[in-house]
Structure formats: structure tokens, C-alpha cells
Amino acid sequence: MGEPHHQCCGFKRSLSNKRRSHHYSPLPPLGRPRPKNGTIPAPKIMLYGELANGTRPRGAPKLRYKDQLKRTLALTNIDPYSWEQTARDRATWR
């Protein structure tokens, strides 16, 4: 007589086919994948912890790395235009 059939969605399917077709895996979560235990690895927290709390003035464009570097050098009293030459002169910065 053969394998028993089941009427599903207007199509005749064998029971083994029905069992396979109705075992869908759930959709993956949106965003970045998280570890199974739900915690964030410690090195990632140490590396990116400050970035998560940083703010920028409302309406101001995001700064490029180069612009941020120039601003940081100026805040530490290092000339942003001659710092490479100063860095090459080891006797000066030692």
C-alpha cells in the first residue's frame, strides 16, 4: 500500500516528507552574534569599553582618525605637523 499520506497546504505529502518540512530552525537573532552564555568576552570589553561610552557634540560630523589624532596631539602639546620628525629623533623623546 505504500507510505501513508497527509494533506498539507493543498499538496499530498508523505509523512516522512511532512516531518522534514515542518522542522524549521528559528531565525538567527538580528545584530552581532553573542556567545551562548550571554556574556561579552573580557578582551572585547577592555578594547571597546571606552568607545561605548564616548559622546560627540550633537549635530557635529564624525571625525576621521586623522582629525582625531591631530586633536589629541594638540591637547598633549605635541606639534601635529612635526610629530613624525620628533618621533624619529630618539634622543629627544628618551
N, C-alpha and C. Protein backbone atom coordinates (compact mmCIF):
# COMPACT_ATOMS: atom_id res chain seq x y z
N MET A 1 0.82 -1.18 0.00
CA MET A 1 0.00 0.00 0.00
C MET A 1 0.87 1.26 0.00
N GLY A 2 2.09 1.17 0.48
CA GLY A 2 3.00 2.30 0.44
C GLY A 2 2.95 3.13 1.71
N GLU A 3 3.61 4.24 1.66
CA GLU A 3 3.70 5.12 2.82
C GLU A 3 2.41 5.94 2.97
N PRO A 4 1.91 6.17 4.22
CA PRO A 4 0.69 6.96 4.40
C PRO A 4 0.93 8.41 3.97
N HIS A 5 -0.15 9.06 3.49
CA HIS A 5 -0.03 10.44 3.01
C HIS A 5 -0.78 11.39 3.93
N HIS A 6 -0.43 12.66 3.86
CA HIS A 6 -1.06 13.69 4.68
C HIS A 6 -1.36 14.88 3.78
N GLN A 7 -2.56 15.43 3.90
CA GLN A 7 -2.94 16.60 3.10
C GLN A 7 -2.46 17.86 3.83
N CYS A 8 -1.54 18.61 3.23
CA CYS A 8 -1.00 19.82 3.87
C CYS A 8 -0.81 20.89 2.81
N CYS A 9 -1.36 22.06 3.01
CA CYS A 9 -1.19 23.20 2.10
C CYS A 9 -1.66 22.87 0.69
N GLY A 10 -2.63 21.99 0.56
CA GLY A 10 -3.16 21.64 -0.75
C GLY A 10 -2.32 20.63 -1.51
N PHE A 11 -1.26 20.11 -0.93
CA PHE A 11 -0.42 19.13 -1.60
C PHE A 11 -0.41 17.85 -0.81
N LYS A 12 -0.32 16.75 -1.52
CA LYS A 12 -0.17 15.47 -0.84
C LYS A 12 1.30 15.27 -0.54
N ARG A 13 1.60 15.00 0.70
CA ARG A 13 2.99 14.74 1.08
C ARG A 13 3.04 13.47 1.89
N SER A 14 4.12 12.79 1.76
CA SER A 14 4.28 11.60 2.59
C SER A 14 4.59 12.07 4.01
N LEU A 15 4.33 11.25 5.00
CA LEU A 15 4.56 11.63 6.39
C LEU A 15 6.03 11.95 6.64
N SER A 16 6.91 11.18 6.02
CA SER A 16 8.33 11.46 6.24
C SER A 16 8.70 12.82 5.66
N ASN A 17 8.12 13.19 4.51
CA ASN A 17 8.35 14.50 3.92
C ASN A 17 7.76 15.60 4.81
N LYS A 18 6.57 15.35 5.35
CA LYS A 18 5.91 16.32 6.22
C LYS A 18 6.75 16.58 7.46
N ARG A 19 7.27 15.52 8.03
CA ARG A 19 8.08 15.68 9.24
C ARG A 19 9.32 16.52 8.96
N ARG A 20 9.93 16.28 7.81
CA ARG A 20 11.12 17.04 7.45
C ARG A 20 10.78 18.50 7.15
N SER A 21 9.66 18.74 6.47
CA SER A 21 9.35 20.10 6.03
C SER A 21 8.86 20.98 7.17
N HIS A 22 8.38 20.41 8.26
CA HIS A 22 7.86 21.21 9.36
C HIS A 22 8.87 21.40 10.49
N HIS A 23 10.09 21.01 10.28
CA HIS A 23 11.13 21.20 11.30
C HIS A 23 12.04 22.34 10.86
N TYR A 24 11.48 23.54 10.87
CA TYR A 24 12.27 24.71 10.51
C TYR A 24 13.07 25.18 11.71
N SER A 25 14.27 25.64 11.45
CA SER A 25 15.05 26.20 12.56
C SER A 25 14.63 27.65 12.75
N PRO A 26 14.69 28.17 13.96
CA PRO A 26 14.30 29.56 14.19
C PRO A 26 15.27 30.50 13.49
N LEU A 27 14.80 31.69 13.18
CA LEU A 27 15.65 32.68 12.53
C LEU A 27 16.76 33.12 13.47
N PRO A 28 17.93 33.41 12.94
CA PRO A 28 19.02 33.87 13.81
C PRO A 28 18.69 35.26 14.35
N PRO A 29 19.23 35.62 15.52
CA PRO A 29 18.94 36.94 16.09
C PRO A 29 19.57 38.03 15.24
N LEU A 30 18.95 39.18 15.24
CA LEU A 30 19.49 40.31 14.49
C LEU A 30 20.66 40.91 15.25
N GLY A 31 21.56 41.54 14.54
CA GLY A 31 22.70 42.17 15.19
C GLY A 31 23.89 41.23 15.25
N ARG A 32 24.82 41.56 16.13
CA ARG A 32 26.03 40.76 16.25
C ARG A 32 25.73 39.48 17.01
N PRO A 33 26.38 38.38 16.64
CA PRO A 33 26.18 37.14 17.40
C PRO A 33 26.77 37.25 18.80
N ARG A 34 26.09 36.71 19.74
CA ARG A 34 26.54 36.72 21.14
C ARG A 34 26.98 35.31 21.52
N PRO A 35 27.90 35.20 22.47
CA PRO A 35 28.27 33.87 22.95
C PRO A 35 27.06 33.19 23.58
N LYS A 36 27.11 31.87 23.62
CA LYS A 36 25.97 31.11 24.13
C LYS A 36 25.63 31.43 25.57
N ASN A 37 26.63 31.77 26.38
CA ASN A 37 26.33 32.06 27.78
C ASN A 37 25.86 33.50 27.99
N GLY A 38 25.81 34.31 26.93
CA GLY A 38 25.26 35.66 27.02
C GLY A 38 26.21 36.73 27.51
N THR A 39 27.45 36.39 27.78
CA THR A 39 28.40 37.39 28.26
C THR A 39 29.31 37.83 27.13
N ILE A 40 29.89 38.99 27.28
CA ILE A 40 30.83 39.50 26.30
C ILE A 40 32.23 39.16 26.80
N PRO A 41 33.11 38.65 25.93
CA PRO A 41 34.47 38.30 26.36
C PRO A 41 35.20 39.51 26.95
N ALA A 42 36.02 39.27 27.97
CA ALA A 42 36.73 40.34 28.68
C ALA A 42 37.64 41.16 27.76
N PRO A 43 38.42 40.55 26.84
CA PRO A 43 39.28 41.38 25.99
C PRO A 43 38.48 42.37 25.15
N LYS A 44 37.30 41.98 24.69
CA LYS A 44 36.50 42.88 23.89
C LYS A 44 35.99 44.04 24.73
N ILE A 45 35.65 43.78 25.99
CA ILE A 45 35.21 44.85 26.88
C ILE A 45 36.36 45.82 27.12
N MET A 46 37.56 45.29 27.31
CA MET A 46 38.71 46.15 27.57
C MET A 46 39.04 46.99 26.35
N LEU A 47 38.94 46.42 25.15
CA LEU A 47 39.29 47.15 23.94
C LEU A 47 38.24 48.18 23.55
N TYR A 48 36.97 47.80 23.66
CA TYR A 48 35.91 48.66 23.15
C TYR A 48 35.09 49.32 24.25
N GLY A 49 35.46 49.16 25.50
CA GLY A 49 34.67 49.71 26.60
C GLY A 49 34.54 51.22 26.55
N GLU A 50 35.63 51.91 26.25
CA GLU A 50 35.59 53.36 26.21
C GLU A 50 34.80 53.86 25.01
N LEU A 51 34.82 53.11 23.93
CA LEU A 51 34.10 53.54 22.74
C LEU A 51 32.60 53.53 22.95
N ALA A 52 32.11 52.63 23.79
CA ALA A 52 30.68 52.53 24.02
C ALA A 52 30.16 53.73 24.79
N ASN A 53 31.00 54.37 25.60
CA ASN A 53 30.56 55.47 26.44
C ASN A 53 30.88 56.84 25.85
N GLY A 54 31.61 56.90 24.77
CA GLY A 54 32.01 58.18 24.20
C GLY A 54 30.83 58.92 23.61
N THR A 55 30.92 60.24 23.61
CA THR A 55 29.87 61.06 23.02
C THR A 55 30.51 62.05 22.08
N ARG A 56 29.72 62.55 21.17
CA ARG A 56 30.18 63.62 20.29
C ARG A 56 29.12 64.71 20.32
N PRO A 57 29.52 65.92 20.05
CA PRO A 57 28.55 67.01 20.09
C PRO A 57 27.39 66.76 19.12
N ARG A 58 26.22 67.10 19.55
CA ARG A 58 25.03 66.87 18.72
C ARG A 58 25.15 67.68 17.43
N GLY A 59 24.91 67.04 16.33
CA GLY A 59 24.96 67.70 15.04
C GLY A 59 26.35 67.80 14.44
N ALA A 60 27.38 67.47 15.20
CA ALA A 60 28.74 67.54 14.66
C ALA A 60 29.03 66.29 13.85
N PRO A 61 29.76 66.41 12.76
CA PRO A 61 30.09 65.23 11.97
C PRO A 61 31.09 64.34 12.71
N LYS A 62 31.06 63.07 12.38
CA LYS A 62 32.03 62.15 12.97
C LYS A 62 33.41 62.50 12.43
N LEU A 63 34.39 62.49 13.33
CA LEU A 63 35.74 62.86 12.93
C LEU A 63 36.47 61.66 12.35
N ARG A 64 37.32 61.94 11.36
CA ARG A 64 38.18 60.89 10.83
C ARG A 64 39.27 60.60 11.84
N TYR A 65 39.92 59.45 11.70
CA TYR A 65 41.00 59.06 12.61
C TYR A 65 42.11 60.11 12.58
N LYS A 66 42.41 60.59 11.39
CA LYS A 66 43.48 61.58 11.23
C LYS A 66 43.15 62.87 11.98
N ASP A 67 41.90 63.32 11.89
CA ASP A 67 41.49 64.54 12.59
C ASP A 67 41.54 64.35 14.10
N GLN A 68 41.10 63.19 14.56
CA GLN A 68 41.12 62.91 15.99
C GLN A 68 42.57 62.85 16.51
N LEU A 69 43.46 62.27 15.70
CA LEU A 69 44.87 62.19 16.09
C LEU A 69 45.48 63.59 16.21
N LYS A 70 45.17 64.46 15.25
CA LYS A 70 45.69 65.84 15.32
C LYS A 70 45.18 66.55 16.57
N ARG A 71 43.91 66.35 16.90
CA ARG A 71 43.34 66.99 18.09
C ARG A 71 44.02 66.48 19.36
N THR A 72 44.25 65.17 19.43
CA THR A 72 44.90 64.58 20.61
C THR A 72 46.33 65.07 20.74
N LEU A 73 47.05 65.15 19.63
CA LEU A 73 48.42 65.65 19.67
C LEU A 73 48.46 67.10 20.14
N ALA A 74 47.53 67.91 19.68
CA ALA A 74 47.49 69.32 20.09
C ALA A 74 47.18 69.43 21.58
N LEU A 75 46.31 68.58 22.10
CA LEU A 75 45.97 68.61 23.53
C LEU A 75 47.15 68.21 24.41
N THR A 76 48.06 67.41 23.89
CA THR A 76 49.22 66.96 24.66
C THR A 76 50.47 67.79 24.34
N ASN A 77 50.25 68.97 23.74
CA ASN A 77 51.33 69.91 23.41
C ASN A 77 52.38 69.32 22.48
N ILE A 78 51.95 68.52 21.55
CA ILE A 78 52.84 67.98 20.51
C ILE A 78 52.40 68.61 19.20
N ASP A 79 53.36 69.18 18.47
CA ASP A 79 53.03 69.82 17.20
C ASP A 79 52.51 68.76 16.21
N PRO A 80 51.26 68.88 15.76
CA PRO A 80 50.70 67.85 14.88
C PRO A 80 51.37 67.78 13.51
N TYR A 81 52.14 68.82 13.15
CA TYR A 81 52.75 68.82 11.83
C TYR A 81 54.19 68.32 11.84
N SER A 82 54.83 68.30 13.01
CA SER A 82 56.22 67.84 13.05
C SER A 82 56.42 66.66 14.00
N TRP A 83 55.35 66.01 14.41
CA TRP A 83 55.48 64.93 15.38
C TRP A 83 56.21 63.72 14.80
N GLU A 84 56.09 63.50 13.50
CA GLU A 84 56.78 62.35 12.90
C GLU A 84 58.29 62.54 12.98
N GLN A 85 58.73 63.75 12.70
CA GLN A 85 60.16 64.04 12.77
C GLN A 85 60.65 63.91 14.21
N THR A 86 59.85 64.40 15.16
CA THR A 86 60.21 64.29 16.58
C THR A 86 60.27 62.83 17.02
N ALA A 87 59.36 62.03 16.53
CA ALA A 87 59.33 60.61 16.90
C ALA A 87 60.54 59.87 16.34
N ARG A 88 61.03 60.30 15.19
CA ARG A 88 62.21 59.64 14.61
C ARG A 88 63.49 59.96 15.39
N ASP A 89 63.52 61.12 16.06
CA ASP A 89 64.70 61.54 16.81
C ASP A 89 64.61 60.94 18.22
N ARG A 90 65.16 59.74 18.40
CA ARG A 90 65.04 59.01 19.67
C ARG A 90 65.70 59.74 20.83
N ALA A 91 66.77 60.45 20.57
CA ALA A 91 67.48 61.15 21.65
C ALA A 91 66.59 62.22 22.28
N THR A 92 65.71 62.83 21.49
CA THR A 92 64.84 63.89 22.00
C THR A 92 63.76 63.34 22.92
N TRP A 93 63.13 62.27 22.51
CA TRP A 93 61.99 61.79 23.31
C TRP A 93 62.36 60.79 24.38
N ARG A 94 63.62 60.40 24.48
CA ARG A 94 64.03 59.47 25.53
C ARG A 94 64.16 60.18 26.78
